[in-house]
């Protein structure tokens, strides 16, 4: 009797823990490449300036904190001098000093504009990219550094 009650309880528990279907609008996930002529030049300058400010911290060891008119609160909270210093130490060791950013493309989703930069360093082995995400309020919503992906454009949903 106790075993059958336990089995029934386990069945109810398993049924109750069943995963739910989440409907997602695929339009929100689509990324399309846009020409730089279609992009607001002030926004493009802002993305470049803020991205360069972050990476130049590696050369100068001085970071000018972001403010509420430049980035979202989450970016402001996550971009601390301590975190940048830790990342910069690793980057300088492997890639050398930061030189400049080269815009490789501008992409749009339903909510954001993405600026994709090739980060140039003094060591030739460096092959890094920096993506700057700008939301609808013209605030930087994310800054993401990663290894360069030559096949990025082929993965885009047109």
Protein backbone atom coordinates (compact mmCIF):
# COMPACT_ATOMS: atom_id res chain seq x y z
CA UNK A 1 0.00 0.00 0.00
CA UNK A 2 2.78 2.42 0.94
CA UNK A 3 4.63 1.60 -2.29
CA UNK A 4 1.61 2.34 -4.46
CA UNK A 5 1.03 5.69 -2.72
CA UNK A 6 4.70 6.57 -3.21
CA UNK A 7 4.55 5.63 -6.89
CA UNK A 8 1.40 7.73 -7.41
CA UNK A 9 3.07 10.69 -5.66
CA UNK A 10 6.13 10.33 -7.88
CA UNK A 11 3.92 10.23 -10.98
CA UNK A 12 2.15 13.44 -9.92
CA UNK A 13 5.52 15.04 -9.24
CA UNK A 14 6.85 14.06 -12.67
CA UNK A 15 3.72 15.32 -14.40
CA UNK A 16 3.88 18.59 -12.50
CA UNK A 17 7.55 19.12 -13.44
CA UNK A 18 6.94 18.70 -17.15
CA UNK A 19 8.63 21.42 -19.19
CA UNK A 20 6.42 24.06 -20.71
CA UNK A 21 6.46 25.17 -24.32
CA UNK A 22 7.69 28.71 -24.75
CA UNK A 23 6.52 30.50 -27.83
CA UNK A 24 9.10 32.88 -29.22
CA UNK A 25 8.75 35.28 -32.10
CA UNK A 26 11.52 34.40 -34.54
CA UNK A 27 11.54 37.99 -35.82
CA UNK A 28 13.11 39.02 -32.49
CA UNK A 29 16.04 36.69 -33.13
CA UNK A 30 16.81 37.65 -36.73
CA UNK A 31 19.95 39.62 -37.44
CA UNK A 32 20.46 41.43 -40.71
CA UNK A 33 23.44 43.34 -42.01
CA UNK A 34 22.91 47.00 -42.81
CA UNK A 35 25.15 49.41 -44.66
CA UNK A 36 26.97 52.06 -42.65
CA UNK A 37 25.12 54.69 -44.72
CA UNK A 38 21.84 53.54 -43.11
CA UNK A 39 23.21 54.01 -39.59
CA UNK A 40 23.03 57.14 -37.49
CA UNK A 41 26.55 58.63 -37.60
CA UNK A 42 26.28 59.92 -34.00
CA UNK A 43 25.38 56.43 -32.80
CA UNK A 44 28.25 54.94 -34.79
CA UNK A 45 30.70 57.44 -33.28
CA UNK A 46 29.35 56.72 -29.79
CA UNK A 47 29.83 52.96 -30.24
CA UNK A 48 33.39 53.45 -31.49
CA UNK A 49 34.35 55.94 -28.77
CA UNK A 50 33.02 53.82 -25.90
CA UNK A 51 34.51 50.59 -27.26
CA UNK A 52 37.87 52.29 -27.75
CA UNK A 53 37.69 53.75 -24.23
CA UNK A 54 37.28 50.25 -22.80
CA UNK A 55 40.20 48.77 -24.74
CA UNK A 56 42.50 51.77 -24.21
CA UNK A 57 42.18 51.07 -20.51
CA UNK A 58 44.54 48.16 -21.18
CA UNK A 59 47.22 50.58 -22.38
CA UNK A 60 46.77 53.34 -19.79
CA UNK A 61 45.44 51.41 -16.76
CA UNK A 62 43.01 54.30 -16.26
CA UNK A 63 39.30 53.83 -16.86
CA UNK A 64 36.84 56.68 -17.09
CA UNK A 65 33.60 55.17 -15.74
CA UNK A 66 30.48 55.19 -17.88
CA UNK A 67 27.47 57.31 -17.00
CA UNK A 68 23.70 56.88 -17.37
CA UNK A 69 23.59 58.74 -20.71
CA UNK A 70 26.05 56.30 -22.29
CA UNK A 71 25.22 52.80 -21.09
CA UNK A 72 22.50 50.80 -19.39
CA UNK A 73 22.68 50.16 -15.65
CA UNK A 74 23.73 46.53 -16.15
CA UNK A 75 26.67 47.54 -18.35
CA UNK A 76 27.65 50.20 -15.83
CA UNK A 77 27.54 47.67 -12.99
CA UNK A 78 29.49 45.01 -14.91
CA UNK A 79 32.20 47.28 -16.32
CA UNK A 80 34.30 47.87 -13.25
CA UNK A 81 37.94 48.85 -13.09
CA UNK A 82 38.77 45.59 -11.32
CA UNK A 83 37.17 43.43 -14.02
CA UNK A 84 38.80 45.46 -16.78
CA UNK A 85 42.20 45.23 -15.12
CA UNK A 86 41.95 41.46 -14.88
CA UNK A 87 40.94 41.16 -18.55
CA UNK A 88 43.55 43.68 -19.67
CA UNK A 89 46.37 41.82 -17.98
CA UNK A 90 45.48 38.68 -19.90
CA UNK A 91 45.01 40.56 -23.21
CA UNK A 92 48.32 42.46 -22.92
CA UNK A 93 50.17 39.25 -22.17
CA UNK A 94 48.78 37.40 -25.19
CA UNK A 95 48.09 40.16 -27.73
CA UNK A 96 50.33 43.10 -26.81
CA UNK A 97 49.11 46.69 -26.64
CA UNK A 98 45.79 47.75 -28.08
CA UNK A 99 46.16 49.79 -31.29
CA UNK A 100 42.72 50.55 -32.74
CA UNK A 101 39.32 49.24 -33.79
CA UNK A 102 38.30 48.55 -37.37
CA UNK A 103 34.56 48.49 -38.07
CA UNK A 104 33.72 45.25 -39.85
CA UNK A 105 29.95 45.54 -40.03
CA UNK A 106 26.75 46.91 -38.60
CA UNK A 107 23.84 44.60 -37.89
CA UNK A 108 20.30 45.09 -36.67
CA UNK A 109 17.87 43.02 -34.71
CA UNK A 110 14.36 44.05 -33.81
CA UNK A 111 15.57 45.80 -30.62
CA UNK A 112 19.28 46.51 -31.10
CA UNK A 113 21.99 47.73 -33.42
CA UNK A 114 25.20 45.70 -33.26
CA UNK A 115 28.57 47.17 -34.21
CA UNK A 116 31.17 44.51 -34.94
CA UNK A 117 34.79 45.67 -34.63
CA UNK A 118 38.03 43.89 -35.36
CA UNK A 119 40.32 44.78 -32.43
CA UNK A 120 43.87 45.45 -33.58
CA UNK A 121 46.82 44.73 -31.26
CA UNK A 122 50.61 44.97 -31.61
CA UNK A 123 51.14 41.20 -31.72
CA UNK A 124 50.11 39.63 -35.02
CA UNK A 125 48.66 36.54 -33.28
CA UNK A 126 45.81 38.68 -31.93
CA UNK A 127 42.57 37.96 -33.71
CA UNK A 128 39.88 39.43 -31.45
CA UNK A 129 36.58 41.11 -32.06
CA UNK A 130 34.52 43.47 -29.99
CA UNK A 131 30.76 43.74 -30.41
CA UNK A 132 28.91 46.77 -29.13
CA UNK A 133 25.13 46.46 -28.74
CA UNK A 134 23.05 49.66 -28.72
CA UNK A 135 19.40 49.49 -27.66
CA UNK A 136 16.40 51.56 -28.80
CA UNK A 137 17.15 54.26 -26.19
CA UNK A 138 20.58 54.79 -27.82
CA UNK A 139 22.36 53.30 -24.79
CA UNK A 140 25.08 50.65 -24.91
CA UNK A 141 23.30 47.53 -23.69
CA UNK A 142 26.26 45.14 -24.01
CA UNK A 143 29.95 45.03 -24.90
CA UNK A 144 31.25 41.61 -25.80
CA UNK A 145 34.82 40.55 -26.58
CA UNK A 146 35.52 37.24 -28.31
CA UNK A 147 37.75 35.47 -30.79
CA UNK A 148 37.32 36.65 -34.36
CA UNK A 149 34.84 34.62 -36.41
CA UNK A 150 35.46 34.76 -40.18
CA UNK A 151 32.18 32.93 -40.83
CA UNK A 152 29.97 35.36 -38.89
CA UNK A 153 28.28 36.81 -42.00
CA UNK A 154 27.39 33.35 -43.32
CA UNK A 155 25.48 32.62 -40.08
CA UNK A 156 23.20 35.63 -40.41
CA UNK A 157 19.51 35.17 -41.15
CA UNK A 158 18.58 37.34 -44.09
